Amino acid sequence: MILKVSIHAGRCIASTLNDQLDYFGPTVNIAARLQSEAAGGDIIVSQTFADDPVVAPPLAPYAMTTEERSIKGFAEPVTYHRLSAAALAS
């Protein structure tokens, strides 16, 4: 089994339908699209998430590669960081 993980942050719309909470909007779509960039054994974090003042210090010790991709449904490319399995193991 391959686990693919991506993390993005931002505003979204929360709605409860049929007693189930769900989230909608561009933030959710970016997170889902970035998940497809994960290879398994790594974690993808968006630049938006990595820039958060609470998140940046804990991420600082890890070696990350920076990448940028055009993603479906968005005019501007999205910058993200890849934390490799080797970086996460140390």
PDB file of N, CA and C in Angstrom:
ATOM      1  N   MET A   1       0.845  -1.172   0.000  1.00  0.00           N
ATOM      2  CA  MET A   1       0.000   0.000   0.000  1.00  0.00           C
ATOM      3  C   MET A   1       0.894   1.240   0.000  1.00  0.00           C
ATOM      4  N   ILE A   2       0.526   2.224  -0.793  1.00  0.00           N
ATOM      5  CA  ILE A   2       1.257   3.482  -0.871  1.00  0.00           C
ATOM      6  C   ILE A   2       0.386   4.574  -0.271  1.00  0.00           C
ATOM      7  N   LEU A   3       0.964   5.309   0.673  1.00  0.00           N
ATOM      8  CA  LEU A   3       0.265   6.415   1.313  1.00  0.00           C
ATOM      9  C   LEU A   3       0.801   7.716   0.739  1.00  0.00           C
ATOM     10  N   LYS A   4      -0.093   8.538   0.203  1.00  0.00           N
ATOM     11  CA  LYS A   4       0.283   9.833  -0.350  1.00  0.00           C
ATOM     12  C   LYS A   4      -0.307  10.928   0.528  1.00  0.00           C
ATOM     13  N   VAL A   5       0.558  11.864   0.972  1.00  0.00           N
ATOM     14  CA  VAL A   5       0.134  12.902   1.907  1.00  0.00           C
ATOM     15  C   VAL A   5       0.510  14.271   1.365  1.00  0.00           C
ATOM     16  N   SER A   6      -0.445  15.201   1.428  1.00  0.00           N
ATOM     17  CA  SER A   6      -0.158  16.604   1.116  1.00  0.00           C
ATOM     18  C   SER A   6      -0.845  17.467   2.158  1.00  0.00           C
ATOM     19  N   ILE A   7      -0.235  18.622   2.428  1.00  0.00           N
ATOM     20  CA  ILE A   7      -0.795  19.543   3.413  1.00  0.00           C
ATOM     21  C   ILE A   7      -0.838  20.938   2.793  1.00  0.00           C
ATOM     22  N   HIS A   8      -1.982  21.565   2.912  1.00  0.00           N
ATOM     23  CA  HIS A   8      -2.176  22.932   2.438  1.00  0.00           C
ATOM     24  C   HIS A   8      -3.059  23.622   3.476  1.00  0.00           C
ATOM     25  N   ALA A   9      -3.010  24.926   3.543  1.00  0.00           N
ATOM     26  CA  ALA A   9      -3.808  25.652   4.529  1.00  0.00           C
ATOM     27  C   ALA A   9      -4.485  26.845   3.875  1.00  0.00           C
ATOM     28  N   GLY A  10      -5.639  27.183   4.384  1.00  0.00           N
ATOM     29  CA  GLY A  10      -6.364  28.342   3.886  1.00  0.00           C
ATOM     30  C   GLY A  10      -7.831  28.248   4.258  1.00  0.00           C
ATOM     31  N   ARG A  11      -8.570  29.206   3.797  1.00  0.00           N
ATOM     32  CA  ARG A  11     -10.009  29.247   4.084  1.00  0.00           C
ATOM     33  C   ARG A  11     -10.756  28.252   3.221  1.00  0.00           C
ATOM     34  N   CYS A  12     -11.843  27.740   3.795  1.00  0.00           N
ATOM     35  CA  CYS A  12     -12.707  26.841   3.038  1.00  0.00           C
ATOM     36  C   CYS A  12     -14.128  26.977   3.576  1.00  0.00           C
ATOM     37  N   ILE A  13     -15.029  26.335   2.897  1.00  0.00           N
ATOM     38  CA  ILE A  13     -16.426  26.329   3.306  1.00  0.00           C
ATOM     39  C   ILE A  13     -16.706  24.967   3.931  1.00  0.00           C
ATOM     40  N   ALA A  14     -17.235  24.978   5.147  1.00  0.00           N
ATOM     41  CA  ALA A  14     -17.613  23.733   5.823  1.00  0.00           C
ATOM     42  C   ALA A  14     -19.131  23.605   5.768  1.00  0.00           C
ATOM     43  N   SER A  15     -19.589  22.403   5.457  1.00  0.00           N
ATOM     44  CA  SER A  15     -21.029  22.168   5.347  1.00  0.00           C
ATOM     45  C   SER A  15     -21.363  20.787   5.894  1.00  0.00           C
ATOM     46  N   THR A  16     -22.473  20.705   6.580  1.00  0.00           N
ATOM     47  CA  THR A  16     -22.948  19.414   7.062  1.00  0.00           C
ATOM     48  C   THR A  16     -24.137  18.992   6.211  1.00  0.00           C
ATOM     49  N   LEU A  17     -23.977  17.872   5.536  1.00  0.00           N
ATOM     50  CA  LEU A  17     -25.043  17.299   4.714  1.00  0.00           C
ATOM     51  C   LEU A  17     -25.242  15.859   5.149  1.00  0.00           C
ATOM     52  N   ASN A  18     -26.471  15.489   5.426  1.00  0.00           N
ATOM     53  CA  ASN A  18     -26.782  14.122   5.862  1.00  0.00           C
ATOM     54  C   ASN A  18     -25.929  13.711   7.061  1.00  0.00           C
ATOM     55  N   ASP A  19     -25.788  14.622   8.006  1.00  0.00           N
ATOM     56  CA  ASP A  19     -25.021  14.382   9.237  1.00  0.00           C
ATOM     57  C   ASP A  19     -23.534  14.127   8.992  1.00  0.00           C
ATOM     58  N   GLN A  20     -22.999  14.552   7.845  1.00  0.00           N
ATOM     59  CA  GLN A  20     -21.576  14.399   7.570  1.00  0.00           C
ATOM     60  C   GLN A  20     -20.977  15.763   7.259  1.00  0.00           C
ATOM     61  N   LEU A  21     -19.888  16.076   7.949  1.00  0.00           N
ATOM     62  CA  LEU A  21     -19.182  17.332   7.730  1.00  0.00           C
ATOM     63  C   LEU A  21     -18.279  17.183   6.524  1.00  0.00           C
ATOM     64  N   ASP A  22     -18.323  18.162   5.627  1.00  0.00           N
ATOM     65  CA  ASP A  22     -17.478  18.148   4.438  1.00  0.00           C
ATOM     66  C   ASP A  22     -16.966  19.552   4.187  1.00  0.00           C
ATOM     67  N   TYR A  23     -15.888  19.651   3.435  1.00  0.00           N
ATOM     68  CA  TYR A  23     -15.238  20.935   3.165  1.00  0.00           C
ATOM     69  C   TYR A  23     -15.151  21.160   1.661  1.00  0.00           C
ATOM     70  N   PHE A  24     -15.283  22.446   1.253  1.00  0.00           N
ATOM     71  CA  PHE A  24     -15.301  22.804  -0.158  1.00  0.00           C
ATOM     72  C   PHE A  24     -14.474  24.061  -0.389  1.00  0.00           C
ATOM     73  N   GLY A  25     -14.088  24.287  -1.639  1.00  0.00           N
ATOM     74  CA  GLY A  25     -13.431  25.525  -2.024  1.00  0.00           C
ATOM     75  C   GLY A  25     -12.037  25.306  -2.589  1.00  0.00           C
ATOM     76  N   PRO A  26     -11.412  26.392  -3.022  1.00  0.00           N
ATOM     77  CA  PRO A  26     -10.090  26.302  -3.645  1.00  0.00           C
ATOM     78  C   PRO A  26      -9.013  25.687  -2.744  1.00  0.00           C
ATOM     79  N   THR A  27      -9.058  25.959  -1.456  1.00  0.00           N
ATOM     80  CA  THR A  27      -8.058  25.394  -0.542  1.00  0.00           C
ATOM     81  C   THR A  27      -8.106  23.869  -0.554  1.00  0.00           C
ATOM     82  N   VAL A  28      -9.299  23.325  -0.511  1.00  0.00           N
ATOM     83  CA  VAL A  28      -9.479  21.875  -0.532  1.00  0.00           C
ATOM     84  C   VAL A  28      -9.020  21.312  -1.875  1.00  0.00           C
ATOM     85  N   ASN A  29      -9.331  22.007  -2.953  1.00  0.00           N
ATOM     86  CA  ASN A  29      -8.934  21.537  -4.284  1.00  0.00           C
ATOM     87  C   ASN A  29      -7.420  21.536  -4.456  1.00  0.00           C
ATOM     88  N   ILE A  30      -6.744  22.559  -3.955  1.00  0.00           N
ATOM     89  CA  ILE A  30      -5.280  22.591  -4.047  1.00  0.00           C
ATOM     90  C   ILE A  30      -4.682  21.434  -3.249  1.00  0.00           C
ATOM     91  N   ALA A  31      -5.161  21.211  -2.040  1.00  0.00           N
ATOM     92  CA  ALA A  31      -4.651  20.100  -1.223  1.00  0.00           C
ATOM     93  C   ALA A  31      -4.822  18.769  -1.951  1.00  0.00           C
ATOM     94  N   ALA A  32      -5.971  18.566  -2.569  1.00  0.00           N
ATOM     95  CA  ALA A  32      -6.227  17.317  -3.294  1.00  0.00           C
ATOM     96  C   ALA A  32      -5.316  17.183  -4.506  1.00  0.00           C
ATOM     97  N   ARG A  33      -5.111  18.266  -5.236  1.00  0.00           N
ATOM     98  CA  ARG A  33      -4.246  18.220  -6.420  1.00  0.00           C
ATOM     99  C   ARG A  33      -2.785  17.976  -6.022  1.00  0.00           C
ATOM    100  N   LEU A  34      -2.355  18.578  -4.918  1.00  0.00           N
ATOM    101  CA  LEU A  34      -0.977  18.372  -4.460  1.00  0.00           C
ATOM    102  C   LEU A  34      -0.744  16.933  -4.006  1.00  0.00           C
ATOM    103  N   GLN A  35      -1.786  16.286  -3.519  1.00  0.00           N
ATOM    104  CA  GLN A  35      -1.649  14.895  -3.095  1.00  0.00           C
ATOM    105  C   GLN A  35      -1.178  14.021  -4.255  1.00  0.00           C
ATOM    106  N   SER A  36      -1.618  14.341  -5.456  1.00  0.00           N
ATOM    107  CA  SER A  36      -1.196  13.546  -6.611  1.00  0.00           C
ATOM    108  C   SER A  36       0.284  13.745  -6.941  1.00  0.00           C
ATOM    109  N   GLU A  37       0.908  14.794  -6.410  1.00  0.00           N
ATOM    110  CA  GLU A  37       2.342  15.022  -6.618  1.00  0.00           C
ATOM    111  C   GLU A  37       3.198  14.167  -5.689  1.00  0.00           C
ATOM    112  N   ALA A  38       2.600  13.629  -4.622  1.00  0.00           N
ATOM    113  CA  ALA A  38       3.347  12.777  -3.692  1.00  0.00           C
ATOM    114  C   ALA A  38       3.646  11.437  -4.357  1.00  0.00           C
ATOM    115  N   ALA A  39       4.827  10.908  -4.055  1.00  0.00           N
ATOM    116  CA  ALA A  39       5.235   9.635  -4.638  1.00  0.00           C
ATOM    117  C   ALA A  39       4.981   8.468  -3.692  1.00  0.00           C
ATOM    118  N   GLY A  40       4.682   8.770  -2.466  1.00  0.00           N
ATOM    119  CA  GLY A  40       4.601   7.737  -1.440  1.00  0.00           C
ATOM    120  C   GLY A  40       5.934   7.724  -0.712  1.00  0.00           C
ATOM    121  N   GLY A  41       5.900   7.748   0.597  1.00  0.00           N
ATOM    122  CA  GLY A  41       7.145   7.814   1.354  1.00  0.00           C
ATOM    123  C   GLY A  41       7.665   9.233   1.473  1.00  0.00           C
ATOM    124  N   ASP A  42       6.888  10.185   1.019  1.00  0.00           N
ATOM    125  CA  ASP A  42       7.257  11.588   1.157  1.00  0.00           C
ATOM    126  C   ASP A  42       6.014  12.370   1.584  1.00  0.00           C
ATOM    127  N   ILE A  43       6.212  13.617   1.925  1.00  0.00           N
ATOM    128  CA  ILE A  43       5.098  14.485   2.285  1.00  0.00           C
ATOM    129  C   ILE A  43       5.227  15.758   1.470  1.00  0.00           C
ATOM    130  N   ILE A  44       4.131  16.183   0.866  1.00  0.00           N
ATOM    131  CA  ILE A  44       4.090  17.422   0.095  1.00  0.00           C
ATOM    132  C   ILE A  44       3.443  18.494   0.965  1.00  0.00           C
ATOM    133  N   VAL A  45       4.125  19.632   1.132  1.00  0.00           N
ATOM    134  CA  VAL A  45       3.547  20.761   1.863  1.00  0.00           C
ATOM    135  C   VAL A  45       3.574  21.978   0.948  1.00  0.00           C
ATOM    136  N   SER A  46       2.459  22.670   0.867  1.00  0.00           N
ATOM    137  CA  SER A  46       2.392  23.857   0.012  1.00  0.00           C
ATOM    138  C   SER A  46       3.243  24.971   0.596  1.00  0.00           C
ATOM    139  N   GLN A  47       3.669  25.885  -0.261  1.00  0.00           N
ATOM    140  CA  GLN A  47       4.425  27.045   0.191  1.00  0.00           C
ATOM    141  C   GLN A  47       3.595  27.853   1.186  1.00  0.00           C
ATOM    142  N   THR A  48       2.304  27.945   0.935  1.00  0.00           N
ATOM    143  CA  THR A  48       1.401  28.661   1.841  1.00  0.00           C
ATOM    144  C   THR A  48       1.468  28.064   3.244  1.00  0.00           C
ATOM    145  N   PHE A  49       1.419  26.756   3.339  1.00  0.00           N
ATOM    146  CA  PHE A  49       1.485  26.081   4.636  1.00  0.00           C
ATOM    147  C   PHE A  49       2.864  26.265   5.266  1.00  0.00           C
ATOM    148  N   ALA A  50       3.919  26.076   4.478  1.00  0.00           N
ATOM    149  CA  ALA A  50       5.289  26.182   4.996  1.00  0.00           C
ATOM    150  C   ALA A  50       5.617  27.581   5.485  1.00  0.00           C
ATOM    151  N   ASP A  51       4.977  28.599   4.908  1.00  0.00           N
ATOM    152  CA  ASP A  51       5.230  29.987   5.301  1.00  0.00           C
ATOM    153  C   ASP A  51       4.528  30.403   6.588  1.00  0.00           C
ATOM    154  N   ASP A  52       3.608  29.595   7.066  1.00  0.00           N
ATOM    155  CA  ASP A  52       2.896  29.941   8.303  1.00  0.00           C
ATOM    156  C   ASP A  52       3.906  30.079   9.443  1.00  0.00           C
ATOM    157  N   PRO A  53       3.849  31.171  10.224  1.00  0.00           N
ATOM    158  CA  PRO A  53       4.831  31.393  11.287  1.00  0.00           C
ATOM    159  C   PRO A  53       4.859  30.294  12.359  1.00  0.00           C
ATOM    160  N   VAL A  54       3.777  29.564  12.522  1.00  0.00           N
ATOM    161  CA  VAL A  54       3.761  28.460  13.491  1.00  0.00           C
ATOM    162  C   VAL A  54       4.397  27.205  12.896  1.00  0.00           C
ATOM    163  N   VAL A  55       4.271  27.029  11.601  1.00  0.00           N
ATOM    164  CA  VAL A  55       4.744  25.821  10.925  1.00  0.00           C
ATOM    165  C   VAL A  55       6.212  25.913  10.522  1.00  0.00           C
ATOM    166  N   ALA A  56       6.669  27.089  10.119  1.00  0.00           N
ATOM    167  CA  ALA A  56       8.028  27.251   9.590  1.00  0.00           C
ATOM    168  C   ALA A  56       9.125  26.732  10.533  1.00  0.00           C
ATOM    169  N   PRO A  57       9.124  27.070  11.826  1.00  0.00           N
ATOM    170  CA  PRO A  57      10.210  26.576  12.690  1.00  0.00           C
ATOM    171  C   PRO A  57      10.313  25.046  12.789  1.00  0.00           C
ATOM    172  N   PRO A  58       9.198  24.310  12.967  1.00  0.00           N
ATOM    173  CA  PRO A  58       9.337  22.847  13.013  1.00  0.00           C
ATOM    174  C   PRO A  58       9.802  22.229  11.688  1.00  0.00           C
ATOM    175  N   LEU A  59       9.521  22.889  10.558  1.00  0.00           N
ATOM    176  CA  LEU A  59       9.952  22.364   9.261  1.00  0.00           C
ATOM    177  C   LEU A  59      11.417  22.687   8.951  1.00  0.00           C
ATOM    178  N   ALA A  60      11.963  23.703   9.595  1.00  0.00           N
ATOM    179  CA  ALA A  60      13.307  24.202   9.282  1.00  0.00           C
ATOM    180  C   ALA A  60      14.404  23.135   9.284  1.00  0.00           C
ATOM    181  N   PRO A  61      14.426  22.174  10.201  1.00  0.00           N
ATOM    182  CA  PRO A  61      15.523  21.202  10.210  1.00  0.00           C
ATOM    183  C   PRO A  61      15.501  20.204   9.043  1.00  0.00           C
ATOM    184  N   TYR A  62      14.395  20.102   8.351  1.00  0.00           N
ATOM    185  CA  TYR A  62      14.268  19.086   7.305  1.00  0.00           C
ATOM    186  C   TYR A  62      14.755  19.583   5.953  1.00  0.00           C
ATOM    187  N   ALA A  63      15.454  18.694   5.251  1.00  0.00           N
ATOM    188  CA  ALA A  63      15.854  18.990   3.879  1.00  0.00           C
ATOM    189  C   ALA A  63      14.629  18.814   2.985  1.00  0.00           C
ATOM    190  N   MET A  64      14.312  19.856   2.244  1.00  0.00           N
ATOM    191  CA  MET A  64      13.148  19.802   1.366  1.00  0.00           C
ATOM    192  C   MET A  64      13.559  20.255  -0.027  1.00  0.00           C
ATOM    193  N   THR A  65      12.965  19.658  -1.028  1.00  0.00           N
ATOM    194  CA  THR A  65      13.144  20.155  -2.382  1.00  0.00           C
ATOM    195  C   THR A  65      11.923  21.001  -2.723  1.00  0.00           C
ATOM    196  N   THR A  66      12.152  22.090  -3.416  1.00  0.00           N
ATOM    197  CA  THR A  66      11.065  22.985  -3.799  1.00  0.00           C
ATOM    198  C   THR A  66      10.712  22.735  -5.257  1.00  0.00           C
ATOM    199  N   GLU A  67       9.432  22.625  -5.517  1.00  0.00           N
ATOM    200  CA  GLU A  67       8.939  22.388  -6.865  1.00  0.00           C
ATOM    201  C   GLU A  67       7.757  23.306  -7.132  1.00  0.00           C
ATOM    202  N   GLU A  68       7.438  23.452  -8.404  1.00  0.00           N
ATOM    203  CA  GLU A  68       6.305  24.285  -8.800  1.00  0.00           C
ATOM    204  C   GLU A  68       5.591  23.583  -9.941  1.00  0.00           C
ATOM    205  N   ARG A  69       4.275  23.532  -9.865  1.00  0.00           N
ATOM    206  CA  ARG A  69       3.474  22.872 -10.904  1.00  0.00           C
ATOM    207  C   ARG A  69       2.231  23.685 -11.209  1.00  0.00           C
ATOM    208  N   SER A  70       1.830  23.625 -12.458  1.00  0.00           N
ATOM    209  CA  SER A  70       0.507  24.125 -12.832  1.00  0.00           C
ATOM    210  C   SER A  70      -0.459  23.010 -12.468  1.00  0.00           C
ATOM    211  N   ILE A  71      -1.544  23.375 -11.811  1.00  0.00           N
ATOM    212  CA  ILE A  71      -2.513  22.353 -11.438  1.00  0.00           C
ATOM    213  C   ILE A  71      -3.874  22.693 -12.024  1.00  0.00           C
ATOM    214  N   LYS A  72      -4.612  21.667 -12.327  1.00  0.00           N
ATOM    215  CA  LYS A  72      -5.911  21.793 -12.979  1.00  0.00           C
ATOM    216  C   LYS A  72      -6.834  22.713 -12.180  1.00  0.00           C
ATOM    217  N   GLY A  73      -7.437  23.653 -12.881  1.00  0.00           N
ATOM    218  CA  GLY A  73      -8.418  24.532 -12.268  1.00  0.00           C
ATOM    219  C   GLY A  73      -7.859  25.820 -11.697  1.00  0.00           C
ATOM    220  N   PHE A  74      -6.530  26.025 -11.798  1.00  0.00           N
ATOM    221  CA  PHE A  74      -5.906  27.223 -11.239  1.00  0.00           C
ATOM    222  C   PHE A  74      -5.004  27.873 -12.279  1.00  0.00           C
ATOM    223  N   ALA A  75      -5.121  29.190 -12.403  1.00  0.00           N
ATOM    224  CA  ALA A  75      -4.366  29.926 -13.418  1.00  0.00           C
ATOM    225  C   ALA A  75      -2.878  30.001 -13.078  1.00  0.00           C
ATOM    226  N   GLU A  76      -2.564  30.180 -11.811  1.00  0.00           N
ATOM    227  CA  GLU A  76      -1.169  30.333 -11.379  1.00  0.00           C
ATOM    228  C   GLU A  76      -0.593  28.991 -10.910  1.00  0.00           C
ATOM    229  N   PRO A  77       0.678  28.742 -11.207  1.00  0.00           N
ATOM    230  CA  PRO A  77       1.312  27.528 -10.679  1.00  0.00           C
ATOM    231  C   PRO A  77       1.384  27.573  -9.148  1.00  0.00           C
ATOM    232  N   VAL A  78       1.434  26.406  -8.548  1.00  0.00           N
ATOM    233  CA  VAL A  78       1.506  26.287  -7.090  1.00  0.00           C
ATOM    234  C   VAL A  78       2.906  25.806  -6.712  1.00  0.00           C
ATOM    235  N   THR A  79       3.522  26.514  -5.774  1.00  0.00           N
ATOM    236  CA  THR A  79       4.832  26.121  -5.263  1.00  0.00           C
ATOM    237  C   THR A  79       4.635  25.248  -4.031  1.00  0.00           C
ATOM    238  N   TYR A  80       5.412  24.166  -3.975  1.00  0.00           N
ATOM    239  CA  TYR A  80       5.311  23.258  -2.839  1.00  0.00           C
ATOM    240  C   TYR A  80       6.683  22.680  -2.518  1.00  0.00           C
ATOM    241  N   HIS A  81       6.770  22.048  -1.343  1.00  0.00           N
ATOM    242  CA  HIS A  81       8.015  21.432  -0.893  1.00  0.00           C
ATOM    243  C   HIS A  81       7.779  19.946  -0.696  1.00  0.00           C
ATOM    244  N   ARG A  82       8.802  19.171  -1.032  1.00  0.00           N
ATOM    245  CA  ARG A  82       8.747  17.719  -0.879  1.00  0.00           C
ATOM    246  C   ARG A  82       9.699  17.325   0.256  1.00  0.00           C
ATOM    247  N   LEU A  83       9.160  16.717   1.292  1.00  0.00           N
ATOM    248  CA  LEU A  83       9.968  16.171   2.367  1.00  0.00           C
ATOM    249  C   LEU A  83      10.135  14.691   2.057  1.00  0.00           C
ATOM    250  N   SER A  84      11.360  14.270   1.805  1.00  0.00           N
ATOM    251  CA  SER A  84      11.603  12.891   1.397  1.00  0.00           C
ATOM    252  C   SER A  84      11.593  11.958   2.593  1.00  0.00           C
ATOM    253  N   ALA A  85      11.444  10.677   2.325  1.00  0.00           N
ATOM    254  CA  ALA A  85      11.467   9.663   3.375  1.00  0.00           C
ATOM    255  C   ALA A  85      12.784   9.713   4.135  1.00  0.00           C
ATOM    256  N   ALA A  86      13.893   9.930   3.434  1.00  0.00           N
ATOM    257  CA  ALA A  86      15.205   9.995   4.089  1.00  0.00           C
ATOM    258  C   ALA A  86      15.273  11.165   5.052  1.00  0.00           C
ATOM    259  N   ALA A  87      14.725  12.293   4.656  1.00  0.00           N
ATOM    260  CA  ALA A  87      14.725  13.466   5.535  1.00  0.00           C
ATOM    261  C   ALA A  87      13.842  13.241   6.749  1.00  0.00           C
ATOM    262  N   LEU A  88      12.730  12.549   6.552  1.00  0.00           N
ATOM    263  CA  LEU A  88      11.798  12.302   7.648  1.00  0.00           C
ATOM    264  C   LEU A  88      12.332  11.275   8.643  1.00  0.00           C
ATOM    265  N   ALA A  89      13.178  10.360   8.171  1.00  0.00           N
ATOM    266  CA  ALA A  89      13.724   9.309   9.032  1.00  0.00           C
ATOM    267  C   ALA A  89      14.797   9.829   9.972  1.00  0.00           C
ATOM    268  N   SER A  90      15.443  10.922   9.612  1.00  0.00           N
ATOM    269  CA  SER A  90      16.552  11.419  10.450  1.00  0.00           C
ATOM    270  C   SER A  90      16.079  12.328  11.544  1.00  0.00           C
TER     271      SER A  90
END
